[in-house]
């Protein structure tokens, strides 16, 4: 599966952005999806994940209550709605896919990655 992330940009603290990740192929619903982010000088870290059906989601503590992951299997797309953004949310955001029914939170467990989209939050 090929992934294409989009929706990043520059936003002021307290603002919102919605990231999208479009997947190719006809088996999108077979994949659990995740969002990760990497800030300058830091390792890539988990942000959120959603199971195949979209019924179950999981979030990093740092984004819980502010970010929402969702998916539209008919459109082969996963979203990350980001509200109440903070300067520390500044990073390149990556979407990832793994063919499993389970939620995965480790980057090493994902098989496919998008190219990343930059989110910059100004104070």
PDB file of N, CA and C in Angstrom:
ATOM      1  N   UNK A   1       0.849  -1.182   0.000  1.00  0.00           N
ATOM      2  CA  UNK A   1       0.000   0.000   0.000  1.00  0.00           C
ATOM      3  C   UNK A   1       0.887   1.236   0.000  1.00  0.00           C
ATOM      4  N   UNK A   2       0.482   2.251  -0.736  1.00  0.00           N
ATOM      5  CA  UNK A   2       1.214   3.521  -0.760  1.00  0.00           C
ATOM      6  C   UNK A   2       0.384   4.574  -0.035  1.00  0.00           C
ATOM      7  N   UNK A   3       1.081   5.414   0.738  1.00  0.00           N
ATOM      8  CA  UNK A   3       0.420   6.403   1.577  1.00  0.00           C
ATOM      9  C   UNK A   3       0.878   7.801   1.204  1.00  0.00           C
ATOM     10  N   UNK A   4      -0.057   8.729   1.182  1.00  0.00           N
ATOM     11  CA  UNK A   4       0.237  10.124   0.847  1.00  0.00           C
ATOM     12  C   UNK A   4      -0.399  11.020   1.893  1.00  0.00           C
ATOM     13  N   UNK A   5       0.444  11.627   2.710  1.00  0.00           N
ATOM     14  CA  UNK A   5      -0.038  12.514   3.768  1.00  0.00           C
ATOM     15  C   UNK A   5      -0.109  13.950   3.279  1.00  0.00           C
ATOM     16  N   UNK A   6      -1.072  14.686   3.806  1.00  0.00           N
ATOM     17  CA  UNK A   6      -1.237  16.090   3.440  1.00  0.00           C
ATOM     18  C   UNK A   6      -1.945  16.830   4.562  1.00  0.00           C
ATOM     19  N   UNK A   7      -1.973  18.159   4.451  1.00  0.00           N
ATOM     20  CA  UNK A   7      -2.723  18.958   5.406  1.00  0.00           C
ATOM     21  C   UNK A   7      -1.890  19.723   6.405  1.00  0.00           C
ATOM     22  N   UNK A   8      -0.584  19.535   6.390  1.00  0.00           N
ATOM     23  CA  UNK A   8       0.262  20.268   7.309  1.00  0.00           C
ATOM     24  C   UNK A   8       0.331  21.740   6.944  1.00  0.00           C
ATOM     25  N   UNK A   9       0.912  22.519   7.844  1.00  0.00           N
ATOM     26  CA  UNK A   9       1.045  23.944   7.597  1.00  0.00           C
ATOM     27  C   UNK A   9       1.449  24.689   8.845  1.00  0.00           C
ATOM     28  N   UNK A  10       1.359  26.002   8.761  1.00  0.00           N
ATOM     29  CA  UNK A  10       1.700  26.882   9.879  1.00  0.00           C
ATOM     30  C   UNK A  10       0.416  27.360  10.541  1.00  0.00           C
ATOM     31  N   UNK A  11       0.359  27.220  11.861  1.00  0.00           N
ATOM     32  CA  UNK A  11      -0.834  27.629  12.603  1.00  0.00           C
ATOM     33  C   UNK A  11      -0.399  28.226  13.937  1.00  0.00           C
ATOM     34  N   UNK A  12      -1.194  29.138  14.442  1.00  0.00           N
ATOM     35  CA  UNK A  12      -0.884  29.729  15.747  1.00  0.00           C
ATOM     36  C   UNK A  12      -1.304  28.784  16.866  1.00  0.00           C
ATOM     37  N   UNK A  13      -0.657  28.924  17.991  1.00  0.00           N
ATOM     38  CA  UNK A  13      -1.033  28.135  19.160  1.00  0.00           C
ATOM     39  C   UNK A  13      -2.514  28.315  19.466  1.00  0.00           C
ATOM     40  N   UNK A  14      -3.167  27.222  19.777  1.00  0.00           N
ATOM     41  CA  UNK A  14      -4.602  27.238  20.017  1.00  0.00           C
ATOM     42  C   UNK A  14      -5.430  26.939  18.789  1.00  0.00           C
ATOM     43  N   UNK A  15      -4.800  26.933  17.649  1.00  0.00           N
ATOM     44  CA  UNK A  15      -5.497  26.685  16.396  1.00  0.00           C
ATOM     45  C   UNK A  15      -5.682  25.205  16.116  1.00  0.00           C
ATOM     46  N   UNK A  16      -6.213  24.936  14.928  1.00  0.00           N
ATOM     47  CA  UNK A  16      -6.531  23.567  14.518  1.00  0.00           C
ATOM     48  C   UNK A  16      -6.012  23.284  13.115  1.00  0.00           C
ATOM     49  N   UNK A  17      -5.738  22.027  12.878  1.00  0.00           N
ATOM     50  CA  UNK A  17      -5.394  21.522  11.548  1.00  0.00           C
ATOM     51  C   UNK A  17      -5.977  20.126  11.418  1.00  0.00           C
ATOM     52  N   UNK A  18      -6.261  19.742  10.171  1.00  0.00           N
ATOM     53  CA  UNK A  18      -6.663  18.360   9.927  1.00  0.00           C
ATOM     54  C   UNK A  18      -5.726  17.756   8.890  1.00  0.00           C
ATOM     55  N   UNK A  19      -5.057  16.703   9.303  1.00  0.00           N
ATOM     56  CA  UNK A  19      -4.186  15.970   8.398  1.00  0.00           C
ATOM     57  C   UNK A  19      -4.971  14.846   7.740  1.00  0.00           C
ATOM     58  N   UNK A  20      -4.607  14.562   6.499  1.00  0.00           N
ATOM     59  CA  UNK A  20      -5.203  13.453   5.775  1.00  0.00           C
ATOM     60  C   UNK A  20      -4.108  12.534   5.268  1.00  0.00           C
ATOM     61  N   UNK A  21      -4.438  11.273   5.135  1.00  0.00           N
ATOM     62  CA  UNK A  21      -3.507  10.299   4.586  1.00  0.00           C
ATOM     63  C   UNK A  21      -4.299   9.402   3.648  1.00  0.00           C
ATOM     64  N   UNK A  22      -4.027   9.545   2.362  1.00  0.00           N
ATOM     65  CA  UNK A  22      -4.728   8.760   1.356  1.00  0.00           C
ATOM     66  C   UNK A  22      -3.908   7.525   1.006  1.00  0.00           C
ATOM     67  N   UNK A  23      -4.579   6.395   0.956  1.00  0.00           N
ATOM     68  CA  UNK A  23      -3.916   5.123   0.674  1.00  0.00           C
ATOM     69  C   UNK A  23      -4.341   4.589  -0.681  1.00  0.00           C
ATOM     70  N   UNK A  24      -3.396   3.979  -1.345  1.00  0.00           N
ATOM     71  CA  UNK A  24      -3.710   3.325  -2.608  1.00  0.00           C
ATOM     72  C   UNK A  24      -4.154   1.894  -2.333  1.00  0.00           C
ATOM     73  N   UNK A  25      -4.665   1.249  -3.327  1.00  0.00           N
ATOM     74  CA  UNK A  25      -5.015  -0.153  -3.191  1.00  0.00           C
ATOM     75  C   UNK A  25      -6.450  -0.381  -2.756  1.00  0.00           C
ATOM     76  N   UNK A  26      -6.867  -1.637  -2.836  1.00  0.00           N
ATOM     77  CA  UNK A  26      -8.256  -1.982  -2.547  1.00  0.00           C
ATOM     78  C   UNK A  26      -8.421  -2.710  -1.226  1.00  0.00           C
ATOM     79  N   UNK A  27      -7.349  -2.779  -0.432  1.00  0.00           N
ATOM     80  CA  UNK A  27      -7.409  -3.516   0.823  1.00  0.00           C
ATOM     81  C   UNK A  27      -7.195  -2.622   2.032  1.00  0.00           C
ATOM     82  N   UNK A  28      -7.504  -1.338   1.879  1.00  0.00           N
ATOM     83  CA  UNK A  28      -7.262  -0.376   2.959  1.00  0.00           C
ATOM     84  C   UNK A  28      -7.909  -0.820   4.254  1.00  0.00           C
ATOM     85  N   UNK A  29      -9.098  -1.380   4.176  1.00  0.00           N
ATOM     86  CA  UNK A  29      -9.825  -1.781   5.383  1.00  0.00           C
ATOM     87  C   UNK A  29      -9.171  -2.951   6.107  1.00  0.00           C
ATOM     88  N   UNK A  30      -8.152  -3.557   5.527  1.00  0.00           N
ATOM     89  CA  UNK A  30      -7.421  -4.641   6.173  1.00  0.00           C
ATOM     90  C   UNK A  30      -6.292  -4.133   7.062  1.00  0.00           C
ATOM     91  N   UNK A  31      -6.043  -2.833   7.010  1.00  0.00           N
ATOM     92  CA  UNK A  31      -4.904  -2.247   7.705  1.00  0.00           C
ATOM     93  C   UNK A  31      -5.343  -1.412   8.896  1.00  0.00           C
ATOM     94  N   UNK A  32      -4.642  -1.596   9.985  1.00  0.00           N
ATOM     95  CA  UNK A  32      -4.717  -0.629  11.070  1.00  0.00           C
ATOM     96  C   UNK A  32      -3.777   0.515  10.715  1.00  0.00           C
ATOM     97  N   UNK A  33      -4.173   1.718  11.095  1.00  0.00           N
ATOM     98  CA  UNK A  33      -3.447   2.911  10.696  1.00  0.00           C
ATOM     99  C   UNK A  33      -2.959   3.688  11.909  1.00  0.00           C
ATOM    100  N   UNK A  34      -1.828   4.361  11.730  1.00  0.00           N
ATOM    101  CA  UNK A  34      -1.281   5.155  12.815  1.00  0.00           C
ATOM    102  C   UNK A  34      -0.717   6.475  12.314  1.00  0.00           C
ATOM    103  N   UNK A  35      -0.628   7.407  13.226  1.00  0.00           N
ATOM    104  CA  UNK A  35       0.073   8.666  13.001  1.00  0.00           C
ATOM    105  C   UNK A  35       1.235   8.746  13.981  1.00  0.00           C
ATOM    106  N   UNK A  36       2.370   9.173  13.468  1.00  0.00           N
ATOM    107  CA  UNK A  36       3.564   9.391  14.267  1.00  0.00           C
ATOM    108  C   UNK A  36       4.091  10.788  13.952  1.00  0.00           C
ATOM    109  N   UNK A  37       4.969  11.278  14.795  1.00  0.00           N
ATOM    110  CA  UNK A  37       5.564  12.582  14.515  1.00  0.00           C
ATOM    111  C   UNK A  37       7.016  12.594  14.950  1.00  0.00           C
ATOM    112  N   UNK A  38       7.773  13.456  14.287  1.00  0.00           N
ATOM    113  CA  UNK A  38       9.194  13.581  14.607  1.00  0.00           C
ATOM    114  C   UNK A  38       9.549  15.055  14.614  1.00  0.00           C
ATOM    115  N   UNK A  39       9.923  15.541  15.779  1.00  0.00           N
ATOM    116  CA  UNK A  39      10.382  16.914  15.928  1.00  0.00           C
ATOM    117  C   UNK A  39      11.884  16.966  15.669  1.00  0.00           C
ATOM    118  N   UNK A  40      12.413  18.136  15.329  1.00  0.00           N
ATOM    119  CA  UNK A  40      13.849  18.258  15.066  1.00  0.00           C
ATOM    120  C   UNK A  40      14.678  17.771  16.246  1.00  0.00           C
ATOM    121  N   UNK A  41      15.626  16.897  15.961  1.00  0.00           N
ATOM    122  CA  UNK A  41      16.512  16.396  16.992  1.00  0.00           C
ATOM    123  C   UNK A  41      15.917  15.337  17.899  1.00  0.00           C
ATOM    124  N   UNK A  42      14.699  14.896  17.572  1.00  0.00           N
ATOM    125  CA  UNK A  42      14.049  13.896  18.420  1.00  0.00           C
ATOM    126  C   UNK A  42      13.699  12.657  17.600  1.00  0.00           C
ATOM    127  N   UNK A  43      13.442  11.573  18.315  1.00  0.00           N
ATOM    128  CA  UNK A  43      13.035  10.354  17.641  1.00  0.00           C
ATOM    129  C   UNK A  43      11.561  10.426  17.242  1.00  0.00           C
ATOM    130  N   UNK A  44      11.221   9.606  16.271  1.00  0.00           N
ATOM    131  CA  UNK A  44       9.833   9.526  15.845  1.00  0.00           C
ATOM    132  C   UNK A  44       9.000   8.899  16.960  1.00  0.00           C
ATOM    133  N   UNK A  45       7.875   9.554  17.270  1.00  0.00           N
ATOM    134  CA  UNK A  45       7.047   9.067  18.364  1.00  0.00           C
ATOM    135  C   UNK A  45       5.603   8.866  17.960  1.00  0.00           C
ATOM    136  N   UNK A  46       4.942   7.993  18.689  1.00  0.00           N
ATOM    137  CA  UNK A  46       3.553   7.642  18.436  1.00  0.00           C
ATOM    138  C   UNK A  46       2.629   8.795  18.781  1.00  0.00           C
ATOM    139  N   UNK A  47       1.606   8.978  17.939  1.00  0.00           N
ATOM    140  CA  UNK A  47       0.596  10.005  18.193  1.00  0.00           C
ATOM    141  C   UNK A  47      -0.772   9.367  18.396  1.00  0.00           C
ATOM    142  N   UNK A  48      -1.206   8.582  17.409  1.00  0.00           N
ATOM    143  CA  UNK A  48      -2.548   7.997  17.488  1.00  0.00           C
ATOM    144  C   UNK A  48      -2.637   6.809  16.543  1.00  0.00           C
ATOM    145  N   UNK A  49      -3.589   5.920  16.815  1.00  0.00           N
ATOM    146  CA  UNK A  49      -3.803   4.754  15.959  1.00  0.00           C
ATOM    147  C   UNK A  49      -5.276   4.394  15.940  1.00  0.00           C
ATOM    148  N   UNK A  50      -5.681   3.747  14.864  1.00  0.00           N
ATOM    149  CA  UNK A  50      -7.077   3.329  14.715  1.00  0.00           C
ATOM    150  C   UNK A  50      -7.093   1.945  14.083  1.00  0.00           C
ATOM    151  N   UNK A  51      -8.005   1.108  14.574  1.00  0.00           N
ATOM    152  CA  UNK A  51      -8.127  -0.236  14.044  1.00  0.00           C
ATOM    153  C   UNK A  51      -8.800  -0.239  12.677  1.00  0.00           C
ATOM    154  N   UNK A  52      -8.850  -1.403  12.081  1.00  0.00           N
ATOM    155  CA  UNK A  52      -9.348  -1.557  10.714  1.00  0.00           C
ATOM    156  C   UNK A  52     -10.729  -0.947  10.513  1.00  0.00           C
ATOM    157  N   UNK A  53     -11.638  -1.222  11.429  1.00  0.00           N
ATOM    158  CA  UNK A  53     -13.012  -0.758  11.267  1.00  0.00           C
ATOM    159  C   UNK A  53     -13.206   0.689  11.699  1.00  0.00           C
ATOM    160  N   UNK A  54     -12.247   1.224  12.429  1.00  0.00           N
ATOM    161  CA  UNK A  54     -12.381   2.564  12.970  1.00  0.00           C
ATOM    162  C   UNK A  54     -13.050   2.615  14.325  1.00  0.00           C
ATOM    163  N   UNK A  55     -13.432   1.452  14.835  1.00  0.00           N
ATOM    164  CA  UNK A  55     -14.187   1.420  16.087  1.00  0.00           C
ATOM    165  C   UNK A  55     -13.313   1.644  17.307  1.00  0.00           C
ATOM    166  N   UNK A  56     -12.036   1.361  17.198  1.00  0.00           N
ATOM    167  CA  UNK A  56     -11.134   1.493  18.340  1.00  0.00           C
ATOM    168  C   UNK A  56      -9.989   2.427  17.999  1.00  0.00           C
ATOM    169  N   UNK A  57      -9.708   3.324  18.916  1.00  0.00           N
ATOM    170  CA  UNK A  57      -8.622   4.274  18.730  1.00  0.00           C
ATOM    171  C   UNK A  57      -7.742   4.306  19.970  1.00  0.00           C
ATOM    172  N   UNK A  58      -6.535   4.808  19.799  1.00  0.00           N
ATOM    173  CA  UNK A  58      -5.589   4.898  20.910  1.00  0.00           C
ATOM    174  C   UNK A  58      -4.728   6.122  20.685  1.00  0.00           C
ATOM    175  N   UNK A  59      -4.406   6.827  21.809  1.00  0.00           N
ATOM    176  CA  UNK A  59      -3.688   8.094  21.705  1.00  0.00           C
ATOM    177  C   UNK A  59      -2.515   8.155  22.669  1.00  0.00           C
ATOM    178  N   UNK A  60      -1.514   8.877  22.260  1.00  0.00           N
ATOM    179  CA  UNK A  60      -0.452   9.237  23.190  1.00  0.00           C
ATOM    180  C   UNK A  60      -1.031  10.189  24.237  1.00  0.00           C
ATOM    181  N   UNK A  61      -0.523  10.111  25.450  1.00  0.00           N
ATOM    182  CA  UNK A  61      -1.034  10.961  26.522  1.00  0.00           C
ATOM    183  C   UNK A  61      -0.917  12.444  26.167  1.00  0.00           C
ATOM    184  N   UNK A  62       0.118  12.792  25.439  1.00  0.00           N
ATOM    185  CA  UNK A  62       0.380  14.200  25.145  1.00  0.00           C
ATOM    186  C   UNK A  62      -0.662  14.827  24.221  1.00  0.00           C
ATOM    187  N   UNK A  63      -1.439  13.996  23.514  1.00  0.00           N
ATOM    188  CA  UNK A  63      -2.422  14.533  22.567  1.00  0.00           C
ATOM    189  C   UNK A  63      -3.851  14.153  22.935  1.00  0.00           C
ATOM    190  N   UNK A  64      -4.000  13.328  23.944  1.00  0.00           N
ATOM    191  CA  UNK A  64      -5.331  12.853  24.334  1.00  0.00           C
ATOM    192  C   UNK A  64      -6.224  14.030  24.691  1.00  0.00           C
ATOM    193  N   UNK A  65      -7.434  14.033  24.127  1.00  0.00           N
ATOM    194  CA  UNK A  65      -8.374  15.115  24.375  1.00  0.00           C
ATOM    195  C   UNK A  65      -8.242  16.277  23.411  1.00  0.00           C
ATOM    196  N   UNK A  66      -7.157  16.315  22.644  1.00  0.00           N
ATOM    197  CA  UNK A  66      -6.945  17.399  21.670  1.00  0.00           C
ATOM    198  C   UNK A  66      -6.973  16.896  20.236  1.00  0.00           C
ATOM    199  N   UNK A  67      -6.470  15.686  20.018  1.00  0.00           N
ATOM    200  CA  UNK A  67      -6.392  15.105  18.683  1.00  0.00           C
ATOM    201  C   UNK A  67      -7.428  13.990  18.553  1.00  0.00           C
ATOM    202  N   UNK A  68      -7.924  13.823  17.327  1.00  0.00           N
ATOM    203  CA  UNK A  68      -8.854  12.739  17.033  1.00  0.00           C
ATOM    204  C   UNK A  68      -8.454  12.061  15.729  1.00  0.00           C
ATOM    205  N   UNK A  69      -8.266  10.754  15.807  1.00  0.00           N
ATOM    206  CA  UNK A  69      -7.975   9.979  14.611  1.00  0.00           C
ATOM    207  C   UNK A  69      -9.270   9.333  14.127  1.00  0.00           C
ATOM    208  N   UNK A  70      -9.447   9.312  12.816  1.00  0.00           N
ATOM    209  CA  UNK A  70     -10.617   8.666  12.235  1.00  0.00           C
ATOM    210  C   UNK A  70     -10.244   8.154  10.859  1.00  0.00           C
ATOM    211  N   UNK A  71     -11.121   7.348  10.292  1.00  0.00           N
ATOM    212  CA  UNK A  71     -10.856   6.810   8.966  1.00  0.00           C
ATOM    213  C   UNK A  71     -12.153   6.676   8.196  1.00  0.00           C
ATOM    214  N   UNK A  72     -12.015   6.762   6.888  1.00  0.00           N
ATOM    215  CA  UNK A  72     -13.139   6.540   5.981  1.00  0.00           C
ATOM    216  C   UNK A  72     -12.686   5.454   5.010  1.00  0.00           C
ATOM    217  N   UNK A  73     -13.111   4.236   5.256  1.00  0.00           N
ATOM    218  CA  UNK A  73     -12.648   3.117   4.429  1.00  0.00           C
ATOM    219  C   UNK A  73     -13.168   3.198   3.004  1.00  0.00           C
ATOM    220  N   UNK A  74     -14.275   3.873   2.807  1.00  0.00           N
ATOM    221  CA  UNK A  74     -14.801   4.042   1.453  1.00  0.00           C
ATOM    222  C   UNK A  74     -13.920   4.975   0.621  1.00  0.00           C
ATOM    223  N   UNK A  75     -13.215   5.867   1.309  1.00  0.00           N
ATOM    224  CA  UNK A  75     -12.330   6.822   0.634  1.00  0.00           C
ATOM    225  C   UNK A  75     -10.859   6.461   0.786  1.00  0.00           C
ATOM    226  N   UNK A  76     -10.578   5.335   1.436  1.00  0.00           N
ATOM    227  CA  UNK A  76      -9.180   4.908   1.646  1.00  0.00           C
ATOM    228  C   UNK A  76      -8.357   6.013   2.309  1.00  0.00           C
ATOM    229  N   UNK A  77      -8.930   6.642   3.312  1.00  0.00           N
ATOM    230  CA  UNK A  77      -8.277   7.791   3.928  1.00  0.00           C
ATOM    231  C   UNK A  77      -8.380   7.725   5.450  1.00  0.00           C
ATOM    232  N   UNK A  78      -7.305   8.113   6.094  1.00  0.00           N
ATOM    233  CA  UNK A  78      -7.289   8.269   7.549  1.00  0.00           C
ATOM    234  C   UNK A  78      -6.996   9.732   7.851  1.00  0.00           C
ATOM    235  N   UNK A  79      -7.603  10.233   8.915  1.00  0.00           N
ATOM    236  CA  UNK A  79      -7.496  11.645   9.276  1.00  0.00           C
ATOM    237  C   UNK A  79      -6.929  11.805  10.676  1.00  0.00           C
ATOM    238  N   UNK A  80      -6.339  12.962  10.896  1.00  0.00           N
ATOM    239  CA  UNK A  80      -5.939  13.341  12.247  1.00  0.00           C
ATOM    240  C   UNK A  80      -6.391  14.776  12.458  1.00  0.00           C
ATOM    241  N   UNK A  81      -7.461  14.938  13.217  1.00  0.00           N
ATOM    242  CA  UNK A  81      -7.939  16.269  13.570  1.00  0.00           C
ATOM    243  C   UNK A  81      -7.179  16.742  14.790  1.00  0.00           C
ATOM    244  N   UNK A  82      -6.512  17.871  14.667  1.00  0.00           N
ATOM    245  CA  UNK A  82      -5.679  18.390  15.738  1.00  0.00           C
ATOM    246  C   UNK A  82      -6.237  19.732  16.199  1.00  0.00           C
ATOM    247  N   UNK A  83      -6.666  19.791  17.432  1.00  0.00           N
ATOM    248  CA  UNK A  83      -7.212  21.012  18.022  1.00  0.00           C
ATOM    249  C   UNK A  83      -6.332  21.480  19.169  1.00  0.00           C
ATOM    250  N   UNK A  84      -6.515  22.714  19.567  1.00  0.00           N
ATOM    251  CA  UNK A  84      -5.766  23.291  20.687  1.00  0.00           C
ATOM    252  C   UNK A  84      -4.269  23.033  20.526  1.00  0.00           C
ATOM    253  N   UNK A  85      -3.766  23.312  19.367  1.00  0.00           N
ATOM    254  CA  UNK A  85      -2.367  23.020  19.070  1.00  0.00           C
ATOM    255  C   UNK A  85      -1.425  23.852  19.931  1.00  0.00           C
ATOM    256  N   UNK A  86      -0.302  23.240  20.259  1.00  0.00           N
ATOM    257  CA  UNK A  86       0.726  23.861  21.085  1.00  0.00           C
ATOM    258  C   UNK A  86       2.037  23.904  20.307  1.00  0.00           C
ATOM    259  N   UNK A  87       2.923  24.819  20.662  1.00  0.00           N
ATOM    260  CA  UNK A  87       4.222  24.854  19.967  1.00  0.00           C
ATOM    261  C   UNK A  87       4.961  23.515  20.017  1.00  0.00           C
ATOM    262  N   UNK A  88       4.780  22.769  21.091  1.00  0.00           N
ATOM    263  CA  UNK A  88       5.464  21.477  21.201  1.00  0.00           C
ATOM    264  C   UNK A  88       4.874  20.410  20.276  1.00  0.00           C
ATOM    265  N   UNK A  89       3.776  20.723  19.593  1.00  0.00           N
ATOM    266  CA  UNK A  89       3.240  19.810  18.587  1.00  0.00           C
ATOM    267  C   UNK A  89       3.959  19.967  17.244  1.00  0.00           C
ATOM    268  N   UNK A  90       4.833  20.945  17.147  1.00  0.00           N
ATOM    269  CA  UNK A  90       5.580  21.165  15.912  1.00  0.00           C
ATOM    270  C   UNK A  90       6.427  19.951  15.575  1.00  0.00           C
ATOM    271  N   UNK A  91       6.233  19.405  14.365  1.00  0.00           N
ATOM    272  CA  UNK A  91       6.932  18.192  13.955  1.00  0.00           C
ATOM    273  C   UNK A  91       6.535  17.858  12.522  1.00  0.00           C
ATOM    274  N   UNK A  92       7.263  16.917  11.965  1.00  0.00           N
ATOM    275  CA  UNK A  92       6.810  16.274  10.732  1.00  0.00           C
ATOM    276  C   UNK A  92       5.926  15.101  11.144  1.00  0.00           C
ATOM    277  N   UNK A  93       4.733  15.056  10.587  1.00  0.00           N
ATOM    278  CA  UNK A  93       3.767  14.012  10.917  1.00  0.00           C
ATOM    279  C   UNK A  93       3.721  12.974   9.799  1.00  0.00           C
ATOM    280  N   UNK A  94       3.780  11.719  10.214  1.00  0.00           N
ATOM    281  CA  UNK A  94       3.784  10.609   9.284  1.00  0.00           C
ATOM    282  C   UNK A  94       2.584   9.706   9.543  1.00  0.00           C
ATOM    283  N   UNK A  95       1.971   9.232   8.461  1.00  0.00           N
ATOM    284  CA  UNK A  95       0.975   8.182   8.616  1.00  0.00           C
ATOM    285  C   UNK A  95       1.631   6.849   8.272  1.00  0.00           C
ATOM    286  N   UNK A  96       1.085   5.800   8.849  1.00  0.00           N
ATOM    287  CA  UNK A  96       1.662   4.477   8.666  1.00  0.00           C
ATOM    288  C   UNK A  96       0.557   3.429   8.674  1.00  0.00           C
ATOM    289  N   UNK A  97       0.863   2.286   8.060  1.00  0.00           N
ATOM    290  CA  UNK A  97      -0.125   1.216   7.953  1.00  0.00           C
ATOM    291  C   UNK A  97       0.507  -0.121   8.299  1.00  0.00           C
ATOM    292  N   UNK A  98      -0.294  -0.968   8.916  1.00  0.00           N
ATOM    293  CA  UNK A  98       0.135  -2.335   9.212  1.00  0.00           C
ATOM    294  C   UNK A  98      -1.070  -3.241   9.038  1.00  0.00           C
ATOM    295  N   UNK A  99      -0.837  -4.380   8.419  1.00  0.00           N
ATOM    296  CA  UNK A  99      -1.944  -5.292   8.130  1.00  0.00           C
ATOM    297  C   UNK A  99      -2.203  -6.174   9.342  1.00  0.00           C
ATOM    298  N   UNK A 100      -3.033  -5.653  10.230  1.00  0.00           N
ATOM    299  CA  UNK A 100      -3.389  -6.354  11.443  1.00  0.00           C
ATOM    300  C   UNK A 100      -4.713  -5.818  11.956  1.00  0.00           C
ATOM    301  N   UNK A 101      -5.388  -6.629  12.746  1.00  0.00           N
ATOM    302  CA  UNK A 101      -6.641  -6.182  13.349  1.00  0.00           C
ATOM    303  C   UNK A 101      -6.400  -5.430  14.654  1.00  0.00           C
ATOM    304  N   UNK A 102      -5.156  -5.426  15.106  1.00  0.00           N
ATOM    305  CA  UNK A 102      -4.845  -4.834  16.405  1.00  0.00           C
ATOM    306  C   UNK A 102      -4.348  -3.399  16.268  1.00  0.00           C
ATOM    307  N   UNK A 103      -4.465  -2.625  17.346  1.00  0.00           N
ATOM    308  CA  UNK A 103      -3.859  -1.303  17.394  1.00  0.00           C
ATOM    309  C   UNK A 103      -2.380  -1.463  17.715  1.00  0.00           C
ATOM    310  N   UNK A 104      -1.540  -0.783  16.961  1.00  0.00           N
ATOM    311  CA  UNK A 104      -0.099  -0.826  17.175  1.00  0.00           C
ATOM    312  C   UNK A 104       0.407   0.568  17.524  1.00  0.00           C
ATOM    313  N   UNK A 105       1.337   0.646  18.481  1.00  0.00           N
ATOM    314  CA  UNK A 105       1.841   1.944  18.916  1.00  0.00           C
ATOM    315  C   UNK A 105       3.340   2.102  18.712  1.00  0.00           C
ATOM    316  N   UNK A 106       4.016   1.044  18.311  1.00  0.00           N
ATOM    317  CA  UNK A 106       5.449   1.110  18.065  1.00  0.00           C
ATOM    318  C   UNK A 106       5.704   1.312  16.577  1.00  0.00           C
ATOM    319  N   UNK A 107       6.556   2.249  16.237  1.00  0.00           N
ATOM    320  CA  UNK A 107       6.828   2.515  14.828  1.00  0.00           C
ATOM    321  C   UNK A 107       7.408   1.293  14.125  1.00  0.00           C
ATOM    322  N   UNK A 108       8.154   0.480  14.855  1.00  0.00           N
ATOM    323  CA  UNK A 108       8.781  -0.697  14.253  1.00  0.00           C
ATOM    324  C   UNK A 108       7.748  -1.742  13.827  1.00  0.00           C
ATOM    325  N   UNK A 109       6.523  -1.619  14.312  1.00  0.00           N
ATOM    326  CA  UNK A 109       5.486  -2.588  13.984  1.00  0.00           C
ATOM    327  C   UNK A 109       4.745  -2.243  12.694  1.00  0.00           C
ATOM    328  N   UNK A 110       5.013  -1.086  12.136  1.00  0.00           N
ATOM    329  CA  UNK A 110       4.332  -0.646  10.920  1.00  0.00           C
ATOM    330  C   UNK A 110       5.163  -0.970   9.687  1.00  0.00           C
ATOM    331  N   UNK A 111       4.468  -1.357   8.628  1.00  0.00           N
ATOM    332  CA  UNK A 111       5.144  -1.816   7.418  1.00  0.00           C
ATOM    333  C   UNK A 111       5.230  -0.745   6.333  1.00  0.00           C
ATOM    334  N   UNK A 112       4.271   0.172   6.313  1.00  0.00           N
ATOM    335  CA  UNK A 112       4.209   1.152   5.236  1.00  0.00           C
ATOM    336  C   UNK A 112       4.115   2.550   5.829  1.00  0.00           C
ATOM    337  N   UNK A 113       4.802   3.494   5.173  1.00  0.00           N
ATOM    338  CA  UNK A 113       4.876   4.863   5.677  1.00  0.00           C
ATOM    339  C   UNK A 113       4.615   5.857   4.561  1.00  0.00           C
ATOM    340  N   UNK A 114       3.951   6.947   4.932  1.00  0.00           N
ATOM    341  CA  UNK A 114       3.817   8.076   4.031  1.00  0.00           C
ATOM    342  C   UNK A 114       5.057   8.953   4.102  1.00  0.00           C
ATOM    343  N   UNK A 115       5.067  10.001   3.308  1.00  0.00           N
ATOM    344  CA  UNK A 115       6.267  10.824   3.174  1.00  0.00           C
ATOM    345  C   UNK A 115       6.386  11.894   4.260  1.00  0.00           C
ATOM    346  N   UNK A 116       5.344  12.118   5.029  1.00  0.00           N
ATOM    347  CA  UNK A 116       5.399  13.121   6.087  1.00  0.00           C
ATOM    348  C   UNK A 116       4.872  14.470   5.638  1.00  0.00           C
ATOM    349  N   UNK A 117       4.258  15.164   6.574  1.00  0.00           N
ATOM    350  CA  UNK A 117       3.765  16.523   6.322  1.00  0.00           C
ATOM    351  C   UNK A 117       4.130  17.375   7.545  1.00  0.00           C
ATOM    352  N   UNK A 118       4.649  18.568   7.294  1.00  0.00           N
ATOM    353  CA  UNK A 118       5.181  19.411   8.365  1.00  0.00           C
ATOM    354  C   UNK A 118       4.074  20.244   8.997  1.00  0.00           C
ATOM    355  N   UNK A 119       4.024  20.177  10.310  1.00  0.00           N
ATOM    356  CA  UNK A 119       3.128  21.008  11.107  1.00  0.00           C
ATOM    357  C   UNK A 119       3.980  21.928  11.961  1.00  0.00           C
ATOM    358  N   UNK A 120       3.748  23.220  11.838  1.00  0.00           N
ATOM    359  CA  UNK A 120       4.478  24.207  12.629  1.00  0.00           C
ATOM    360  C   UNK A 120       3.482  25.042  13.411  1.00  0.00           C
ATOM    361  N   UNK A 121       3.652  25.051  14.733  1.00  0.00           N
ATOM    362  CA  UNK A 121       2.762  25.795  15.611  1.00  0.00           C
ATOM    363  C   UNK A 121       3.547  26.939  16.222  1.00  0.00           C
ATOM    364  N   UNK A 122       3.116  28.152  15.939  1.00  0.00           N
ATOM    365  CA  UNK A 122       3.815  29.328  16.453  1.00  0.00           C
ATOM    366  C   UNK A 122       3.189  29.783  17.767  1.00  0.00           C
ATOM    367  N   UNK A 123       4.026  30.345  18.619  1.00  0.00           N
ATOM    368  CA  UNK A 123       3.547  30.788  19.939  1.00  0.00           C
ATOM    369  C   UNK A 123       3.052  32.223  19.901  1.00  0.00           C
TER     370      UNK A 123
END
